[in-house]
Amino acid sequence: MIEANALLAMFTVQILAMSVLVPDRLIKQVRVQVMKIPAERFAQLYPDFPVVDRDLTLKRYLAWYRVLNLGIAVLGLWMLGWLFTYTQRPDWKAGEVKDWVVVYWFAQWLPFLLAAWVGVRHNKLLENSLDGKRKAILQRRGLFDFVSPFTVFLAVLAYLLFVAYVIHFEQNPLSHIIGITLICAVHAFAAYRTLYATRVNPYVTHAAREYAIGLGVKASVYLCFYFIVRRSINLTIEQLDLQRWKPFTESSLFVLLALGVCVALVAEARRSELDGLGHSPVR
């Protein structure tokens, strides 16, 4: 029963971390970014609407974002009750519980991804609304400008150790190797795009852009670590025949990832305050 109780405790933390803590930090950061844009410029971005009030639009957007996260949190509480009932049975299946924990985790990401999509769309409107040509600071960027060579070395070493691990212990290592290789390739491409893609928000300073680039590149590298460690732990649990600990492990890693997002948002907020941006009075 200890694995079931550990899961219930960690799943509760997962609900709070991704559906309460992360949205709260993201809302504060969105306020800061939107309030950088002059109200007149904000209205010009949406000419099809008769009246566009920046502050009112922001309030409504954040209200819908809160409601969406609240609904997912309520769904999580319902699922927590189901987990409590189901795991009291001696024949509860770890695979089924793990699948539902993963499905709920993806549901928790939906509001965050929606906010990111809205942000990208809004930045594109800002870019298209500029008159004339923008001046660019020509500066050659490289991976090691944002991530230390030692960190990259650890990422490569973790990948090689994972390959050696599955070759030694797994009967079918190729599928695991291909899966992790594809994940790392996706994040490597994401880091490349972050380094060399054109920045689209004209109201962000050069220093802020460099900071955001560094944050994105580091996230790609650290996510490679995350997925390698996650897969290694799951394989180890299977080797030790401790399958009922898998749901707890998955939820724990999800919480760790959510806390990483929170740390990044807090660091961005502090950087903005040091730049004299501060928080807006909009609520």
C-alpha atoms as a PDB file:
ATOM      1  CA  MET A   1       0.000   0.000   0.000  1.00  0.00           C
ATOM      2  CA  ILE A   2       2.942   2.329   0.437  1.00  0.00           C
ATOM      3  CA  GLU A   3       3.277   2.809  -3.328  1.00  0.00           C
ATOM      4  CA  ALA A   4      -0.426   3.696  -3.590  1.00  0.00           C
ATOM      5  CA  ASN A   5      -0.216   6.257  -0.758  1.00  0.00           C
ATOM      6  CA  ALA A   6       2.947   7.750  -2.262  1.00  0.00           C
ATOM      7  CA  LEU A   7       1.129   8.105  -5.601  1.00  0.00           C
ATOM      8  CA  LEU A   8      -1.856   9.861  -4.016  1.00  0.00           C
ATOM      9  CA  ALA A   9       0.411  12.344  -2.247  1.00  0.00           C
ATOM     10  CA  MET A  10       2.484  13.062  -5.363  1.00  0.00           C
ATOM     11  CA  PHE A  11      -0.546  13.342  -7.639  1.00  0.00           C
ATOM     12  CA  THR A  12      -1.959  15.983  -5.279  1.00  0.00           C
ATOM     13  CA  VAL A  13       1.289  17.928  -5.657  1.00  0.00           C
ATOM     14  CA  GLN A  14       1.047  17.491  -9.432  1.00  0.00           C
ATOM     15  CA  ILE A  15      -2.398  19.101  -9.473  1.00  0.00           C
ATOM     16  CA  LEU A  16      -1.208  22.057  -7.412  1.00  0.00           C
ATOM     17  CA  ALA A  17       2.062  22.512  -9.294  1.00  0.00           C
ATOM     18  CA  MET A  18       0.783  22.489 -12.882  1.00  0.00           C
ATOM     19  CA  SER A  19      -2.803  23.716 -12.492  1.00  0.00           C
ATOM     20  CA  VAL A  20      -2.276  26.332  -9.763  1.00  0.00           C
ATOM     21  CA  LEU A  21       1.370  27.376  -9.352  1.00  0.00           C
ATOM     22  CA  VAL A  22       2.439  27.495 -13.015  1.00  0.00           C
ATOM     23  CA  PRO A  23      -0.684  29.421 -14.167  1.00  0.00           C
ATOM     24  CA  ASP A  24      -0.191  31.966 -11.378  1.00  0.00           C
ATOM     25  CA  ARG A  25       3.403  32.635 -12.423  1.00  0.00           C
ATOM     26  CA  LEU A  26       2.505  32.717 -16.124  1.00  0.00           C
ATOM     27  CA  ILE A  27      -0.335  35.206 -15.554  1.00  0.00           C
ATOM     28  CA  LYS A  28       2.055  37.613 -13.836  1.00  0.00           C
ATOM     29  CA  GLN A  29       4.512  37.333 -16.706  1.00  0.00           C
ATOM     30  CA  VAL A  30       1.825  37.850 -19.359  1.00  0.00           C
ATOM     31  CA  ARG A  31       0.740  41.062 -17.616  1.00  0.00           C
ATOM     32  CA  VAL A  32       4.290  42.380 -17.765  1.00  0.00           C
ATOM     33  CA  GLN A  33       4.703  41.572 -21.457  1.00  0.00           C
ATOM     34  CA  VAL A  34       1.330  42.980 -22.571  1.00  0.00           C
ATOM     35  CA  MET A  35       1.739  46.211 -20.615  1.00  0.00           C
ATOM     36  CA  LYS A  36       4.917  46.955 -22.561  1.00  0.00           C
ATOM     37  CA  ILE A  37       2.737  47.570 -25.629  1.00  0.00           C
ATOM     38  CA  PRO A  38       1.189  51.058 -25.846  1.00  0.00           C
ATOM     39  CA  ALA A  39      -2.618  50.995 -25.709  1.00  0.00           C
ATOM     40  CA  GLU A  40      -2.866  52.756 -29.079  1.00  0.00           C
ATOM     41  CA  ARG A  41      -0.604  50.207 -30.753  1.00  0.00           C
ATOM     42  CA  PHE A  42      -2.563  47.340 -29.189  1.00  0.00           C
ATOM     43  CA  ALA A  43      -5.809  48.669 -30.711  1.00  0.00           C
ATOM     44  CA  GLN A  44      -4.177  48.942 -34.149  1.00  0.00           C
ATOM     45  CA  LEU A  45      -3.372  45.234 -34.105  1.00  0.00           C
ATOM     46  CA  TYR A  46      -7.053  44.284 -34.333  1.00  0.00           C
ATOM     47  CA  PRO A  47      -8.644  46.638 -36.899  1.00  0.00           C
ATOM     48  CA  ASP A  48     -11.611  44.299 -37.477  1.00  0.00           C
ATOM     49  CA  PHE A  49     -12.901  44.934 -33.963  1.00  0.00           C
ATOM     50  CA  PRO A  50     -14.817  48.196 -33.421  1.00  0.00           C
ATOM     51  CA  VAL A  51     -13.331  48.836 -29.971  1.00  0.00           C
ATOM     52  CA  VAL A  52     -10.224  47.207 -28.531  1.00  0.00           C
ATOM     53  CA  ASP A  53      -9.254  48.101 -24.987  1.00  0.00           C
ATOM     54  CA  ARG A  54      -5.886  46.681 -23.986  1.00  0.00           C
ATOM     55  CA  ASP A  55      -6.573  46.434 -20.260  1.00  0.00           C
ATOM     56  CA  LEU A  56     -10.064  44.989 -20.690  1.00  0.00           C
ATOM     57  CA  THR A  57      -8.857  42.473 -23.277  1.00  0.00           C
ATOM     58  CA  LEU A  58      -6.069  41.387 -20.961  1.00  0.00           C
ATOM     59  CA  LYS A  59      -8.470  40.949 -18.041  1.00  0.00           C
ATOM     60  CA  ARG A  60     -10.833  38.804 -20.105  1.00  0.00           C
ATOM     61  CA  TYR A  61      -8.019  36.675 -21.518  1.00  0.00           C
ATOM     62  CA  LEU A  62      -6.548  36.025 -18.088  1.00  0.00           C
ATOM     63  CA  ALA A  63      -9.999  35.285 -16.680  1.00  0.00           C
ATOM     64  CA  TRP A  64     -10.586  32.597 -19.311  1.00  0.00           C
ATOM     65  CA  TYR A  65      -7.105  31.209 -18.663  1.00  0.00           C
ATOM     66  CA  ARG A  66      -7.853  30.958 -14.938  1.00  0.00           C
ATOM     67  CA  VAL A  67     -11.195  29.268 -15.567  1.00  0.00           C
ATOM     68  CA  LEU A  68      -9.628  26.711 -17.900  1.00  0.00           C
ATOM     69  CA  ASN A  69      -6.939  25.815 -15.371  1.00  0.00           C
ATOM     70  CA  LEU A  70      -9.497  25.708 -12.573  1.00  0.00           C
ATOM     71  CA  GLY A  71     -11.589  23.257 -14.573  1.00  0.00           C
ATOM     72  CA  ILE A  72      -8.571  21.006 -15.138  1.00  0.00           C
ATOM     73  CA  ALA A  73      -7.724  21.226 -11.412  1.00  0.00           C
ATOM     74  CA  VAL A  74     -11.271  20.139 -10.531  1.00  0.00           C
ATOM     75  CA  LEU A  75     -10.919  17.275 -12.983  1.00  0.00           C
ATOM     76  CA  GLY A  76      -7.691  16.354 -11.208  1.00  0.00           C
ATOM     77  CA  LEU A  77      -9.440  16.305  -7.830  1.00  0.00           C
ATOM     78  CA  TRP A  78     -12.096  13.988  -9.260  1.00  0.00           C
ATOM     79  CA  MET A  79      -9.332  11.771 -10.637  1.00  0.00           C
ATOM     80  CA  LEU A  80      -7.603  11.835  -7.238  1.00  0.00           C
ATOM     81  CA  GLY A  81     -10.796  10.460  -5.674  1.00  0.00           C
ATOM     82  CA  TRP A  82     -10.931   7.729  -8.303  1.00  0.00           C
ATOM     83  CA  LEU A  83      -7.284   6.844  -7.673  1.00  0.00           C
ATOM     84  CA  PHE A  84      -7.936   6.631  -3.942  1.00  0.00           C
ATOM     85  CA  THR A  85     -10.815   4.212  -4.495  1.00  0.00           C
ATOM     86  CA  TYR A  86      -9.146   2.152  -7.207  1.00  0.00           C
ATOM     87  CA  THR A  87      -5.759   1.703  -5.498  1.00  0.00           C
ATOM     88  CA  GLN A  88      -7.433   0.343  -2.378  1.00  0.00           C
ATOM     89  CA  ARG A  89      -8.231  -2.776  -4.366  1.00  0.00           C
ATOM     90  CA  PRO A  90      -5.573  -5.497  -4.119  1.00  0.00           C
ATOM     91  CA  ASP A  91      -5.774  -6.149  -7.858  1.00  0.00           C
ATOM     92  CA  TRP A  92      -5.256  -2.567  -9.085  1.00  0.00           C
ATOM     93  CA  LYS A  93      -3.218  -2.361 -12.269  1.00  0.00           C
ATOM     94  CA  ALA A  94      -0.193  -0.084 -12.338  1.00  0.00           C
ATOM     95  CA  GLY A  95      -0.243   0.223 -16.133  1.00  0.00           C
ATOM     96  CA  GLU A  96      -3.796   1.554 -16.186  1.00  0.00           C
ATOM     97  CA  VAL A  97      -3.091   4.059 -13.413  1.00  0.00           C
ATOM     98  CA  LYS A  98       0.101   5.236 -15.107  1.00  0.00           C
ATOM     99  CA  ASP A  99      -1.720   5.799 -18.403  1.00  0.00           C
ATOM    100  CA  TRP A 100      -4.351   7.983 -16.719  1.00  0.00           C
ATOM    101  CA  VAL A 101      -1.677   9.977 -14.860  1.00  0.00           C
ATOM    102  CA  VAL A 102       0.059  10.659 -18.198  1.00  0.00           C
ATOM    103  CA  VAL A 103      -3.228  11.587 -19.913  1.00  0.00           C
ATOM    104  CA  TYR A 104      -4.025  14.047 -17.138  1.00  0.00           C
ATOM    105  CA  TRP A 105      -0.539  15.533 -17.435  1.00  0.00           C
ATOM    106  CA  PHE A 106      -1.156  16.255 -21.120  1.00  0.00           C
ATOM    107  CA  ALA A 107      -4.492  17.836 -20.191  1.00  0.00           C
ATOM    108  CA  GLN A 108      -2.694  20.082 -17.717  1.00  0.00           C
ATOM    109  CA  TRP A 109      -0.444  21.347 -20.511  1.00  0.00           C
ATOM    110  CA  LEU A 110      -3.332  22.380 -22.774  1.00  0.00           C
ATOM    111  CA  PRO A 111      -3.886  25.860 -21.231  1.00  0.00           C
ATOM    112  CA  PHE A 112      -0.141  26.516 -21.276  1.00  0.00           C
ATOM    113  CA  LEU A 113       0.120  25.534 -24.953  1.00  0.00           C
ATOM    114  CA  LEU A 114      -2.947  27.645 -25.773  1.00  0.00           C
ATOM    115  CA  ALA A 115      -1.332  30.644 -24.070  1.00  0.00           C
ATOM    116  CA  ALA A 116       1.867  30.032 -26.028  1.00  0.00           C
ATOM    117  CA  TRP A 117      -0.086  29.870 -29.307  1.00  0.00           C
ATOM    118  CA  VAL A 118      -1.863  33.147 -28.526  1.00  0.00           C
ATOM    119  CA  GLY A 119       1.481  34.736 -27.656  1.00  0.00           C
ATOM    120  CA  VAL A 120       3.077  33.637 -30.936  1.00  0.00           C
ATOM    121  CA  ARG A 121       0.082  34.897 -32.922  1.00  0.00           C
ATOM    122  CA  HIS A 122       0.127  38.218 -31.102  1.00  0.00           C
ATOM    123  CA  ASN A 123       3.866  38.677 -31.669  1.00  0.00           C
ATOM    124  CA  LYS A 124       3.344  37.990 -35.363  1.00  0.00           C
ATOM    125  CA  LEU A 125       0.746  40.757 -35.501  1.00  0.00           C
ATOM    126  CA  LEU A 126       3.204  43.085 -33.810  1.00  0.00           C
ATOM    127  CA  GLU A 127       5.878  42.257 -36.356  1.00  0.00           C
ATOM    128  CA  ASN A 128       3.556  42.808 -39.310  1.00  0.00           C
ATOM    129  CA  SER A 129       2.290  46.104 -37.891  1.00  0.00           C
ATOM    130  CA  LEU A 130       5.707  47.781 -37.858  1.00  0.00           C
ATOM    131  CA  ASP A 131       6.294  50.491 -40.410  1.00  0.00           C
ATOM    132  CA  GLY A 132       9.587  50.464 -42.257  1.00  0.00           C
ATOM    133  CA  LYS A 133      12.520  48.218 -41.618  1.00  0.00           C
ATOM    134  CA  ARG A 134      13.747  47.221 -38.221  1.00  0.00           C
ATOM    135  CA  LYS A 135      17.357  47.597 -37.236  1.00  0.00           C
ATOM    136  CA  ALA A 136      18.993  44.356 -36.217  1.00  0.00           C
ATOM    137  CA  ILE A 137      22.040  43.844 -34.072  1.00  0.00           C
ATOM    138  CA  LEU A 138      24.306  41.588 -36.070  1.00  0.00           C
ATOM    139  CA  GLN A 139      25.790  39.177 -33.570  1.00  0.00           C
ATOM    140  CA  ARG A 140      26.878  35.636 -34.237  1.00  0.00           C
ATOM    141  CA  ARG A 141      25.384  33.244 -31.683  1.00  0.00           C
ATOM    142  CA  GLY A 142      26.573  29.789 -30.770  1.00  0.00           C
ATOM    143  CA  LEU A 143      25.369  27.029 -28.488  1.00  0.00           C
ATOM    144  CA  PHE A 144      28.182  27.605 -25.997  1.00  0.00           C
ATOM    145  CA  ASP A 145      27.191  31.255 -25.623  1.00  0.00           C
ATOM    146  CA  PHE A 146      24.175  30.053 -23.628  1.00  0.00           C
ATOM    147  CA  VAL A 147      25.034  26.542 -22.402  1.00  0.00           C
ATOM    148  CA  SER A 148      28.394  25.555 -20.951  1.00  0.00           C
ATOM    149  CA  PRO A 149      30.447  22.915 -22.798  1.00  0.00           C
ATOM    150  CA  PHE A 150      30.369  20.815 -19.624  1.00  0.00           C
ATOM    151  CA  THR A 151      26.547  20.736 -19.675  1.00  0.00           C
ATOM    152  CA  VAL A 152      26.550  19.650 -23.324  1.00  0.00           C
ATOM    153  CA  PHE A 153      29.160  17.014 -22.474  1.00  0.00           C
ATOM    154  CA  LEU A 154      26.917  15.682 -19.680  1.00  0.00           C
ATOM    155  CA  ALA A 155      23.974  15.508 -22.072  1.00  0.00           C
ATOM    156  CA  VAL A 156      25.983  13.506 -24.610  1.00  0.00           C
ATOM    157  CA  LEU A 157      27.384  11.298 -21.836  1.00  0.00           C
ATOM    158  CA  ALA A 158      23.881  10.638 -20.477  1.00  0.00           C
ATOM    159  CA  TYR A 159      22.760   9.572 -23.955  1.00  0.00           C
ATOM    160  CA  LEU A 160      25.738   7.230 -24.405  1.00  0.00           C
ATOM    161  CA  LEU A 161      25.240   5.718 -20.944  1.00  0.00           C
ATOM    162  CA  PHE A 162      21.573   5.141 -21.734  1.00  0.00           C
ATOM    163  CA  VAL A 163      22.497   3.346 -24.965  1.00  0.00           C
ATOM    164  CA  ALA A 164      24.985   1.150 -23.086  1.00  0.00           C
ATOM    165  CA  TYR A 165      22.387   0.481 -20.384  1.00  0.00           C
ATOM    166  CA  VAL A 166      19.650  -0.733 -22.729  1.00  0.00           C
ATOM    167  CA  ILE A 167      22.081  -2.812 -24.799  1.00  0.00           C
ATOM    168  CA  HIS A 168      23.220  -4.588 -21.649  1.00  0.00           C
ATOM    169  CA  PHE A 169      19.841  -5.125 -19.953  1.00  0.00           C
ATOM    170  CA  GLU A 170      17.128  -5.066 -22.633  1.00  0.00           C
ATOM    171  CA  GLN A 171      16.290  -7.866 -25.071  1.00  0.00           C
ATOM    172  CA  ASN A 172      15.102  -5.355 -27.668  1.00  0.00           C
ATOM    173  CA  PRO A 173      17.335  -2.300 -27.154  1.00  0.00           C
ATOM    174  CA  LEU A 174      16.875  -0.852 -30.658  1.00  0.00           C
ATOM    175  CA  SER A 175      13.364   0.473 -30.030  1.00  0.00           C
ATOM    176  CA  HIS A 176      14.497   2.290 -26.858  1.00  0.00           C
ATOM    177  CA  ILE A 177      17.551   3.732 -28.599  1.00  0.00           C
ATOM    178  CA  ILE A 178      15.519   4.945 -31.590  1.00  0.00           C
ATOM    179  CA  GLY A 179      12.906   6.526 -29.310  1.00  0.00           C
ATOM    180  CA  ILE A 180      15.412   8.485 -27.218  1.00  0.00           C
ATOM    181  CA  THR A 181      17.421   9.437 -30.310  1.00  0.00           C
ATOM    182  CA  LEU A 182      14.323  10.932 -31.955  1.00  0.00           C
ATOM    183  CA  ILE A 183      13.462  12.867 -28.788  1.00  0.00           C
ATOM    184  CA  CYS A 184      16.984  14.272 -28.527  1.00  0.00           C
ATOM    185  CA  ALA A 185      16.968  15.129 -32.243  1.00  0.00           C
ATOM    186  CA  VAL A 186      13.713  17.077 -31.849  1.00  0.00           C
ATOM    187  CA  HIS A 187      15.127  19.086 -28.961  1.00  0.00           C
ATOM    188  CA  ALA A 188      18.394  19.664 -30.800  1.00  0.00           C
ATOM    189  CA  PHE A 189      16.400  21.094 -33.725  1.00  0.00           C
ATOM    190  CA  ALA A 190      14.402  23.228 -31.278  1.00  0.00           C
ATOM    191  CA  ALA A 191      17.656  24.616 -29.841  1.00  0.00           C
ATOM    192  CA  TYR A 192      18.892  25.391 -33.370  1.00  0.00           C
ATOM    193  CA  ARG A 193      15.656  27.181 -34.248  1.00  0.00           C
ATOM    194  CA  THR A 194      15.817  29.156 -31.010  1.00  0.00           C
ATOM    195  CA  LEU A 195      19.378  30.253 -31.751  1.00  0.00           C
ATOM    196  CA  TYR A 196      18.883  31.337 -35.351  1.00  0.00           C
ATOM    197  CA  ALA A 197      15.184  32.080 -35.883  1.00  0.00           C
ATOM    198  CA  THR A 198      14.099  35.700 -36.358  1.00  0.00           C
ATOM    199  CA  ARG A 199      12.747  37.346 -33.227  1.00  0.00           C
ATOM    200  CA  VAL A 200       9.181  38.549 -33.791  1.00  0.00           C
ATOM    201  CA  ASN A 201       8.325  40.812 -30.825  1.00  0.00           C
ATOM    202  CA  PRO A 202       9.524  44.331 -31.663  1.00  0.00           C
ATOM    203  CA  TYR A 203       8.826  45.599 -28.124  1.00  0.00           C
ATOM    204  CA  VAL A 204      11.417  43.308 -26.568  1.00  0.00           C
ATOM    205  CA  THR A 205      14.898  44.727 -26.020  1.00  0.00           C
ATOM    206  CA  HIS A 206      18.022  43.083 -27.360  1.00  0.00           C
ATOM    207  CA  ALA A 207      19.031  42.032 -23.834  1.00  0.00           C
ATOM    208  CA  ALA A 208      15.619  40.479 -23.230  1.00  0.00           C
ATOM    209  CA  ARG A 209      15.811  38.621 -26.522  1.00  0.00           C
ATOM    210  CA  GLU A 210      19.224  37.224 -25.646  1.00  0.00           C
ATOM    211  CA  TYR A 211      17.878  36.108 -22.277  1.00  0.00           C
ATOM    212  CA  ALA A 212      14.874  34.396 -23.921  1.00  0.00           C
ATOM    213  CA  ILE A 213      17.141  32.653 -26.425  1.00  0.00           C
ATOM    214  CA  GLY A 214      19.335  31.366 -23.607  1.00  0.00           C
ATOM    215  CA  LEU A 215      16.283  30.153 -21.724  1.00  0.00           C
ATOM    216  CA  GLY A 216      14.980  28.272 -24.763  1.00  0.00           C
ATOM    217  CA  VAL A 217      18.327  26.657 -25.560  1.00  0.00           C
ATOM    218  CA  LYS A 218      18.851  25.566 -21.957  1.00  0.00           C
ATOM    219  CA  ALA A 219      15.321  24.161 -21.863  1.00  0.00           C
ATOM    220  CA  SER A 220      16.062  22.003 -24.924  1.00  0.00           C
ATOM    221  CA  VAL A 221      19.248  20.622 -23.371  1.00  0.00           C
ATOM    222  CA  TYR A 222      17.663  19.995 -19.971  1.00  0.00           C
ATOM    223  CA  LEU A 223      14.647  18.317 -21.546  1.00  0.00           C
ATOM    224  CA  CYS A 224      16.992  15.831 -23.189  1.00  0.00           C
ATOM    225  CA  PHE A 225      18.318  15.033 -19.706  1.00  0.00           C
ATOM    226  CA  TYR A 226      14.762  14.760 -18.426  1.00  0.00           C
ATOM    227  CA  PHE A 227      13.582  12.233 -21.002  1.00  0.00           C
ATOM    228  CA  ILE A 228      16.741  10.137 -20.727  1.00  0.00           C
ATOM    229  CA  VAL A 229      16.439   9.995 -16.935  1.00  0.00           C
ATOM    230  CA  ARG A 230      12.713   9.292 -17.148  1.00  0.00           C
ATOM    231  CA  ARG A 231      13.184   6.371 -19.503  1.00  0.00           C
ATOM    232  CA  SER A 232      16.127   5.011 -17.510  1.00  0.00           C
ATOM    233  CA  ILE A 233      14.128   5.041 -14.276  1.00  0.00           C
ATOM    234  CA  ASN A 234      11.187   3.280 -15.892  1.00  0.00           C
ATOM    235  CA  LEU A 235      13.449   0.596 -17.321  1.00  0.00           C
ATOM    236  CA  THR A 236      15.116   0.114 -13.937  1.00  0.00           C
ATOM    237  CA  ILE A 237      11.727  -0.273 -12.256  1.00  0.00           C
ATOM    238  CA  GLU A 238      10.848  -2.948 -14.790  1.00  0.00           C
ATOM    239  CA  GLN A 239      14.131  -4.734 -14.170  1.00  0.00           C
ATOM    240  CA  LEU A 240      13.481  -4.736 -10.407  1.00  0.00           C
ATOM    241  CA  ASP A 241       9.878  -5.888 -10.914  1.00  0.00           C
ATOM    242  CA  LEU A 242       8.487  -2.828  -9.096  1.00  0.00           C
ATOM    243  CA  GLN A 243       5.836  -1.916 -11.642  1.00  0.00           C
ATOM    244  CA  ARG A 244       3.471  -0.500  -9.039  1.00  0.00           C
ATOM    245  CA  TRP A 245       5.940   2.302  -8.385  1.00  0.00           C
ATOM    246  CA  LYS A 246       5.714   3.475 -12.003  1.00  0.00           C
ATOM    247  CA  PRO A 247       2.694   5.785 -11.523  1.00  0.00           C
ATOM    248  CA  PHE A 248       4.396   7.483  -8.567  1.00  0.00           C
ATOM    249  CA  THR A 249       7.608   7.878 -10.553  1.00  0.00           C
ATOM    250  CA  GLU A 250       5.782   9.409 -13.523  1.00  0.00           C
ATOM    251  CA  SER A 251       3.919  11.874 -11.305  1.00  0.00           C
ATOM    252  CA  SER A 252       7.159  12.796  -9.485  1.00  0.00           C
ATOM    253  CA  LEU A 253       8.941  13.561 -12.756  1.00  0.00           C
ATOM    254  CA  PHE A 254       5.961  15.619 -13.939  1.00  0.00           C
ATOM    255  CA  VAL A 255       6.133  17.664 -10.736  1.00  0.00           C
ATOM    256  CA  LEU A 256       9.864  18.177 -11.240  1.00  0.00           C
ATOM    257  CA  LEU A 257       9.252  19.464 -14.769  1.00  0.00           C
ATOM    258  CA  ALA A 258       6.481  21.805 -13.567  1.00  0.00           C
ATOM    259  CA  LEU A 259       8.769  23.222 -10.885  1.00  0.00           C
ATOM    260  CA  GLY A 260      11.408  23.799 -13.560  1.00  0.00           C
ATOM    261  CA  VAL A 261       8.879  25.862 -15.533  1.00  0.00           C
ATOM    262  CA  CYS A 262       8.075  27.858 -12.389  1.00  0.00           C
ATOM    263  CA  VAL A 263      11.756  28.569 -11.738  1.00  0.00           C
ATOM    264  CA  ALA A 264      12.152  29.839 -15.308  1.00  0.00           C
ATOM    265  CA  LEU A 265       9.099  32.111 -14.984  1.00  0.00           C
ATOM    266  CA  VAL A 266      10.277  33.488 -11.638  1.00  0.00           C
ATOM    267  CA  ALA A 267      13.738  34.192 -13.067  1.00  0.00           C
ATOM    268  CA  GLU A 268      12.169  36.012 -16.026  1.00  0.00           C
ATOM    269  CA  ALA A 269      10.000  38.093 -13.679  1.00  0.00           C
ATOM    270  CA  ARG A 270      13.011  39.117 -11.609  1.00  0.00           C
ATOM    271  CA  ARG A 271      14.952  40.026 -14.721  1.00  0.00           C
ATOM    272  CA  SER A 272      12.050  42.185 -15.894  1.00  0.00           C
ATOM    273  CA  GLU A 273      11.904  43.963 -12.537  1.00  0.00           C
ATOM    274  CA  LEU A 274      15.627  44.683 -12.685  1.00  0.00           C
ATOM    275  CA  ASP A 275      15.067  46.207 -16.119  1.00  0.00           C
ATOM    276  CA  GLY A 276      12.518  48.527 -14.570  1.00  0.00           C
ATOM    277  CA  LEU A 277       9.479  46.845 -16.085  1.00  0.00           C
ATOM    278  CA  GLY A 278       7.810  45.650 -12.888  1.00  0.00           C
ATOM    279  CA  HIS A 279       4.291  44.256 -12.682  1.00  0.00           C
ATOM    280  CA  SER A 280       1.322  46.012 -14.161  1.00  0.00           C
ATOM    281  CA  PRO A 281      -1.682  47.124 -12.106  1.00  0.00           C
ATOM    282  CA  VAL A 282      -4.018  45.156 -14.364  1.00  0.00           C
ATOM    283  CA  ARG A 283      -5.832  42.351 -12.529  1.00  0.00           C
END
